Protein backbone atom coordinates (compact mmCIF):
# COMPACT_ATOMS: atom_id res chain seq x y z
CA MET A 1 0.00 0.00 0.00
CA LYS A 2 1.44 3.35 -1.03
CA VAL A 3 1.00 6.35 1.23
CA THR A 4 2.91 9.56 1.88
CA LEU A 5 5.62 9.84 4.47
CA GLY A 6 3.48 12.31 6.41
CA GLU A 7 0.81 9.64 7.03
CA LEU A 8 3.07 7.25 8.95
CA LYS A 9 3.06 7.08 12.73
CA ALA A 10 5.97 6.66 15.16
CA GLY A 11 7.44 3.16 15.06
CA GLU A 12 6.33 2.37 11.51
CA CYS A 13 8.84 1.32 8.86
CA GLY A 14 8.72 2.10 5.18
CA MET A 15 10.59 2.41 1.92
CA ILE A 16 10.78 5.46 -0.33
CA THR A 17 9.07 4.69 -3.65
CA ALA A 18 8.69 8.01 -5.49
CA PHE A 19 8.42 11.79 -5.44
CA PRO A 20 5.10 12.21 -7.28
CA ASP A 21 4.54 15.97 -7.29
CA GLY A 22 5.99 18.98 -5.67
CA SER A 23 8.71 21.49 -6.10
CA SER A 24 11.96 20.38 -7.65
CA THR A 25 13.73 22.36 -4.91
CA TYR A 26 12.20 20.12 -2.21
CA ARG A 27 12.97 17.03 -4.25
CA ARG A 28 16.64 17.96 -4.61
CA LYS A 29 16.87 18.81 -0.91
CA LEU A 30 15.36 15.46 0.14
CA LEU A 31 17.58 13.53 -2.29
CA ALA A 32 20.65 15.32 -0.89
CA MET A 33 19.62 14.27 2.63
CA GLY A 34 19.61 10.61 1.59
CA LEU A 35 15.90 10.06 0.91
CA THR A 36 16.34 8.29 -2.42
CA PRO A 37 13.94 5.74 -3.95
CA GLY A 38 14.50 2.30 -2.42
CA THR A 39 15.77 3.66 0.90
CA ARG A 40 14.31 2.00 4.01
CA PHE A 41 13.59 4.06 7.11
CA THR A 42 11.82 3.99 10.48
CA VAL A 43 9.73 6.84 11.87
CA SER A 44 11.42 7.43 15.23
CA ARG A 45 8.98 9.98 16.58
CA VAL A 46 6.50 12.64 15.64
CA ALA A 47 6.33 15.95 17.48
CA PRO A 48 3.22 16.52 19.64
CA LEU A 49 1.71 18.92 17.12
CA GLY A 50 2.75 16.70 14.20
CA ASP A 51 5.64 18.76 12.89
CA PRO A 52 8.50 17.78 12.47
CA ILE A 53 8.81 14.05 11.89
CA GLN A 54 12.04 12.32 12.95
CA LEU A 55 13.31 9.43 10.81
CA GLN A 56 16.03 6.83 11.33
CA VAL A 57 17.53 6.49 7.85
CA ARG A 58 20.92 5.14 6.73
CA GLY A 59 22.19 5.06 10.33
CA PHE A 60 21.38 8.65 11.28
CA GLN A 61 18.43 10.67 12.58
CA LEU A 62 16.76 13.03 10.13
CA SER A 63 13.95 15.49 10.83
CA VAL A 64 11.64 16.61 8.04
CA ARG A 65 8.75 19.04 8.07
CA ARG A 66 5.26 17.68 7.53
CA HIS A 67 4.78 19.56 4.25
CA GLU A 68 8.06 18.10 2.94
CA ALA A 69 6.97 14.63 4.06
CA THR A 70 3.78 14.86 2.02
CA ALA A 71 5.91 15.16 -1.14
CA VAL A 72 7.39 11.67 -0.58
CA GLU A 73 5.51 8.54 -1.60
CA VAL A 74 6.37 5.48 0.51
CA SER A 75 5.27 1.89 0.98
CA ARG A 76 4.82 0.41 4.45
CA ILE A 77 7.08 -2.49 5.43
């Protein structure tokens, strides 16, 4: 099932599948941070108000804003 990164809850695992729409600036920024298609990650925690989202990806912690996370299509693992 494909969803956006912003829809996942803390503790869930997923894999980046695509960057469907959105600004090319955001896409380049996310690719530079290591969020490339095929990358597996775990949602470490979500802030109380839902922004930002902290991910465990490629051995480090990464925080992304909710509006950036909605530009990333993922599949749950």
